[in-house]
Amino acid sequence: MTSTKARARERANARRIVEQQKARERRRAITLWTVAGVVLALIAAGLIGYGLMASQDKKAAAKLTTPSVAVDGGTAFAAGKGPVTIDLYEDFMCPVCREFETTDSATLKQLVAENKATVRYHPVAILNDASNGTNYSTRAAGAAAAAAQAGKYEAYHDVLYANQPQENSDGLSNTRLIELGKSVGLTGSDFADAINHGTYNAWADKATETFSQRGYNATPTIVIGGKQYQNKLRSYPTPAELTSLVAAAA
């Protein structure tokens, strides 16, 4: 009897061990499938995310319209054909840019007229946060691009600075941007449509990105003959300095 009971206990223990092993295998299988499911879900999410990003990139590229008249990799508009290149990076909301234009505009035009310099205007948009959410810097740069495409960049550039809104205001409305265009001869529907549809707004943002990639972070940034103007006292040169720097770079 004792032997029979012992064998029964052994068989029971063996069954229990087998059941425990089976339970462990089931748990391991469940864990493996769970991990596999999570991995597959992450891969699927990554593929979906990549697909969405690719789709967004394609849409952004489709919206990017570069003015055919733009130079320097499609980032600027040139005036003159002189041997020394002056690159001006400006934001139409920037008050110091307006000071620079007020002080040096006549000298720049003279250098161009005397065939001493080529001025490349780079409108950028780094002060969108200063226009109460209207993205005035981008809209103004886009409007200037539309003016350039119509052959009126310099005239429109000047009238924008003459009517510059204050920082932290709403900036000028699209209607006002169109009105200013008309004041310098931009009366065609193409110009107005470009502003109302934001045709060159993505271009303005891309030009600003290029500005940053070139290591610049403030406006006005003035580069004469490949050398950035830097002065601890001023953000821009005096007319005499400008003339001297161009002569030195020739």
Protein backbone atom coordinates (compact mmCIF):
# COMPACT_ATOMS: atom_id res chain seq x y z
CA MET A 1 0.00 0.00 0.00
CA THR A 2 2.75 2.35 0.94
CA SER A 3 4.47 1.65 -2.36
CA THR A 4 1.23 2.24 -4.25
CA LYS A 5 0.65 5.56 -2.48
CA ALA A 6 4.22 6.62 -3.16
CA ARG A 7 3.90 5.84 -6.85
CA ALA A 8 0.63 7.79 -6.94
CA ARG A 9 2.32 10.77 -5.35
CA GLU A 10 5.19 10.53 -7.84
CA ARG A 11 2.75 10.44 -10.74
CA ALA A 12 0.90 13.44 -9.28
CA ASN A 13 4.14 15.32 -8.83
CA ALA A 14 5.20 14.46 -12.38
CA ARG A 15 1.85 15.71 -13.73
CA ARG A 16 2.20 18.87 -11.69
CA ILE A 17 5.73 19.46 -13.03
CA VAL A 18 4.53 18.85 -16.58
CA GLU A 19 1.63 21.26 -16.10
CA GLN A 20 3.96 23.87 -14.64
CA GLN A 21 6.29 23.48 -17.60
CA LYS A 22 3.36 23.81 -20.01
CA ALA A 23 2.16 26.91 -18.14
CA ARG A 24 5.64 28.43 -18.37
CA GLU A 25 5.77 27.67 -22.10
CA ARG A 26 2.34 29.27 -22.59
CA ARG A 27 3.44 32.39 -20.67
CA ARG A 28 6.66 32.54 -22.69
CA ALA A 29 4.75 32.18 -25.93
CA ILE A 30 2.33 34.91 -24.89
CA THR A 31 5.25 37.18 -23.97
CA LEU A 32 6.98 36.53 -27.29
CA TRP A 33 3.83 37.24 -29.25
CA THR A 34 3.18 40.36 -27.19
CA VAL A 35 6.70 41.65 -27.83
CA ALA A 36 6.39 40.78 -31.50
CA GLY A 37 3.08 42.60 -31.65
CA VAL A 38 4.55 45.68 -30.01
CA VAL A 39 7.53 45.63 -32.38
CA LEU A 40 5.26 45.26 -35.39
CA ALA A 41 3.05 48.07 -34.10
CA LEU A 42 6.08 50.33 -33.67
CA ILE A 43 7.32 49.47 -37.15
CA ALA A 44 3.87 50.15 -38.58
CA ALA A 45 3.66 53.44 -36.69
CA GLY A 46 7.11 54.37 -37.95
CA LEU A 47 6.15 53.56 -41.52
CA ILE A 48 2.94 55.56 -41.17
CA GLY A 49 4.85 58.45 -39.61
CA TYR A 50 7.45 58.32 -42.37
CA GLY A 51 4.69 58.22 -44.95
CA LEU A 52 3.01 61.23 -43.41
CA MET A 53 6.31 63.15 -43.23
CA ALA A 54 7.13 62.26 -46.82
CA SER A 55 3.65 63.35 -47.86
CA GLN A 56 4.04 66.62 -45.97
CA ASP A 57 7.47 67.20 -47.52
CA LYS A 58 6.01 66.61 -50.97
CA LYS A 59 3.16 69.02 -50.26
CA ALA A 60 5.61 71.64 -48.97
CA ALA A 61 7.78 71.18 -52.05
CA ALA A 62 4.71 71.50 -54.25
CA LYS A 63 3.82 74.78 -52.54
CA LEU A 64 7.34 76.20 -52.85
CA THR A 65 7.40 78.58 -55.81
CA THR A 66 10.77 80.24 -56.41
CA PRO A 67 10.69 83.47 -58.42
CA SER A 68 12.39 82.89 -61.76
CA VAL A 69 14.28 86.18 -61.38
CA ALA A 70 15.86 85.21 -58.04
CA VAL A 71 19.65 84.81 -57.85
CA ASP A 72 22.14 83.29 -55.39
CA GLY A 73 20.47 79.92 -55.30
CA GLY A 74 17.04 81.48 -55.60
CA THR A 75 17.38 83.53 -52.40
CA ALA A 76 17.90 87.11 -53.58
CA PHE A 77 17.11 89.82 -56.12
CA ALA A 78 19.98 91.64 -57.78
CA ALA A 79 20.43 95.27 -58.73
CA GLY A 80 23.40 96.32 -60.87
CA LYS A 81 26.30 94.43 -62.39
CA GLY A 82 29.29 95.88 -60.56
CA PRO A 83 32.33 93.77 -59.59
CA VAL A 84 31.76 93.93 -55.81
CA THR A 85 28.75 92.06 -54.46
CA ILE A 86 26.88 93.52 -51.50
CA ASP A 87 24.48 91.04 -49.91
CA LEU A 88 21.77 92.62 -47.77
CA TYR A 89 19.69 90.38 -45.51
CA GLU A 90 16.69 92.35 -44.28
CA ASP A 91 13.34 91.80 -42.57
CA PHE A 92 10.63 94.28 -43.56
CA MET A 93 9.46 94.44 -39.92
CA CYS A 94 12.98 95.25 -38.66
CA PRO A 95 13.30 98.91 -37.52
CA VAL A 96 17.11 98.82 -37.73
CA CYS A 97 16.81 97.67 -41.34
CA ARG A 98 14.71 100.75 -42.00
CA GLU A 99 17.39 102.90 -40.34
CA PHE A 100 20.01 101.31 -42.57
CA GLU A 101 17.93 101.93 -45.69
CA THR A 102 17.28 105.53 -44.65
CA THR A 103 21.00 106.10 -44.07
CA ASP A 104 22.59 104.10 -46.89
CA SER A 105 20.01 103.64 -49.63
CA ALA A 106 21.24 106.60 -51.70
CA THR A 107 24.84 105.37 -51.48
CA LEU A 108 23.82 101.86 -52.52
CA LYS A 109 21.98 103.22 -55.54
CA GLN A 110 24.97 105.39 -56.43
CA LEU A 111 27.36 102.43 -56.25
CA VAL A 112 25.04 100.49 -58.54
CA ALA A 113 24.65 103.42 -60.97
CA GLU A 114 28.44 103.86 -61.14
CA ASN A 115 28.80 100.14 -61.87
CA LYS A 116 30.93 99.63 -58.78
CA ALA A 117 28.69 97.14 -57.02
CA THR A 118 25.97 94.54 -57.43
CA VAL A 119 23.47 94.69 -54.61
CA ARG A 120 21.69 91.43 -53.79
CA TYR A 121 18.60 91.91 -51.63
CA HIS A 122 17.69 88.92 -49.47
CA PRO A 123 14.27 89.44 -47.83
CA VAL A 124 14.00 87.16 -44.79
CA ALA A 125 11.39 86.57 -42.12
CA ILE A 126 12.82 86.36 -38.61
CA LEU A 127 10.31 88.70 -36.92
CA ASN A 128 7.02 86.90 -37.52
CA ASP A 129 6.58 86.73 -33.75
CA ALA A 130 6.44 90.54 -33.69
CA SER A 131 3.23 90.78 -35.74
CA ASN A 132 0.55 89.28 -33.47
CA GLY A 133 0.26 86.05 -35.39
CA THR A 134 -0.23 87.58 -38.85
CA ASN A 135 3.26 86.47 -40.05
CA TYR A 136 3.85 89.89 -41.52
CA SER A 137 7.55 89.30 -42.16
CA THR A 138 6.79 86.28 -44.31
CA ARG A 139 3.90 87.98 -46.10
CA ALA A 140 5.94 91.11 -46.81
CA ALA A 141 8.88 89.08 -48.12
CA GLY A 142 6.49 87.07 -50.28
CA ALA A 143 4.94 90.29 -51.61
CA ALA A 144 8.42 91.64 -52.39
CA ALA A 145 9.16 88.45 -54.33
CA ALA A 146 5.98 89.00 -56.34
CA ALA A 147 7.15 92.56 -57.04
CA ALA A 148 10.55 91.25 -58.15
CA GLN A 149 8.87 88.83 -60.51
CA ALA A 150 7.07 91.82 -62.02
CA GLY A 151 10.33 93.78 -62.34
CA LYS A 152 9.62 96.21 -59.49
CA TYR A 153 11.60 94.88 -56.53
CA GLU A 154 13.57 98.00 -55.60
CA ALA A 155 10.59 100.35 -55.88
CA TYR A 156 8.41 98.04 -53.80
CA HIS A 157 11.22 97.40 -51.30
CA ASP A 158 11.52 101.17 -50.76
CA VAL A 159 7.80 101.75 -50.35
CA LEU A 160 7.54 98.92 -47.82
CA TYR A 161 10.19 100.58 -45.65
CA ALA A 162 8.57 103.98 -46.09
CA ASN A 163 5.37 102.46 -44.69
CA GLN A 164 6.93 100.08 -42.17
CA PRO A 165 4.55 99.06 -39.37
CA GLN A 166 5.70 99.08 -35.77
CA GLU A 167 6.99 95.91 -34.18
CA ASN A 168 4.34 94.02 -32.18
CA SER A 169 1.57 95.40 -34.36
CA ASP A 170 -0.48 93.35 -36.83
CA GLY A 171 1.69 94.56 -39.67
CA LEU A 172 0.19 95.61 -42.99
CA SER A 173 -2.82 93.74 -44.33
CA ASN A 174 -2.73 92.01 -47.70
CA THR A 175 -5.04 94.74 -48.98
CA ARG A 176 -2.54 97.39 -47.91
CA LEU A 177 0.37 95.47 -49.45
CA ILE A 178 -1.53 95.42 -52.72
CA GLU A 179 -2.30 99.15 -52.46
CA LEU A 180 1.38 99.94 -51.95
CA GLY A 181 2.15 97.87 -55.01
CA LYS A 182 -0.24 99.93 -57.07
CA SER A 183 1.54 103.09 -55.90
CA VAL A 184 4.73 101.91 -57.66
CA GLY A 185 3.04 100.60 -60.79
CA LEU A 186 2.15 97.04 -59.75
CA THR A 187 -1.40 97.17 -61.00
CA GLY A 188 -1.67 93.73 -62.61
CA SER A 189 -3.81 90.96 -61.19
CA ASP A 190 -0.80 88.60 -60.96
CA PHE A 191 0.75 90.70 -58.21
CA ALA A 192 -2.46 90.93 -56.17
CA ASP A 193 -3.18 87.22 -56.65
CA ALA A 194 0.32 86.28 -55.49
CA ILE A 195 -0.23 88.21 -52.25
CA ASN A 196 -3.76 86.94 -51.61
CA HIS A 197 -2.80 83.34 -52.37
CA GLY A 198 0.57 83.50 -50.58
CA THR A 199 2.31 82.27 -53.72
CA TYR A 200 5.80 83.13 -52.48
CA ASN A 201 5.31 82.74 -48.72
CA ALA A 202 6.86 79.26 -48.65
CA TRP A 203 9.76 80.65 -50.66
CA ALA A 204 10.24 83.41 -48.04
CA ASP A 205 10.39 80.81 -45.28
CA LYS A 206 12.87 78.73 -47.28
CA ALA A 207 15.04 81.81 -47.91
CA THR A 208 15.00 82.46 -44.15
CA GLU A 209 16.08 78.89 -43.52
CA THR A 210 19.01 79.37 -45.92
CA PHE A 211 19.87 82.61 -44.09
CA SER A 212 20.12 80.66 -40.84
CA GLN A 213 22.11 77.84 -42.44
CA ARG A 214 24.65 80.41 -43.60
CA GLY A 215 25.25 81.28 -39.97
CA TYR A 216 23.33 84.55 -39.80
CA ASN A 217 20.79 85.34 -37.10
CA ALA A 218 20.08 89.07 -37.12
CA THR A 219 18.97 91.79 -39.51
CA PRO A 220 20.32 93.72 -41.15
CA THR A 221 23.18 91.42 -42.06
CA ILE A 222 25.46 93.10 -44.58
CA VAL A 223 28.11 91.17 -46.50
CA ILE A 224 30.47 93.15 -48.75
CA GLY A 225 32.72 91.25 -51.12
CA GLY A 226 32.12 88.07 -49.12
CA LYS A 227 32.97 89.65 -45.74
CA GLN A 228 30.28 90.33 -43.16
CA TYR A 229 30.21 93.88 -41.84
CA GLN A 230 30.77 93.84 -38.09
CA ASN A 231 31.02 96.80 -35.76
CA LYS A 232 30.53 96.83 -31.99
CA LEU A 233 28.85 100.22 -32.14
CA ARG A 234 26.57 99.88 -35.18
CA SER A 235 24.69 97.20 -37.10
CA TYR A 236 25.42 98.86 -40.44
CA PRO A 237 28.10 101.07 -42.04
CA THR A 238 27.87 104.79 -42.60
CA PRO A 239 27.74 105.90 -46.26
CA ALA A 240 31.44 106.76 -46.12
CA GLU A 241 32.30 103.36 -44.66
CA LEU A 242 30.18 101.61 -47.24
CA THR A 243 31.92 103.41 -50.08
CA SER A 244 35.33 102.67 -48.58
CA LEU A 245 34.58 98.99 -48.01
CA VAL A 246 33.40 98.54 -51.59
CA ALA A 247 36.54 100.25 -52.88
CA ALA A 248 38.71 97.99 -50.74
CA ALA A 249 36.91 94.89 -52.01
CA ALA A 250 37.23 95.85 -55.68
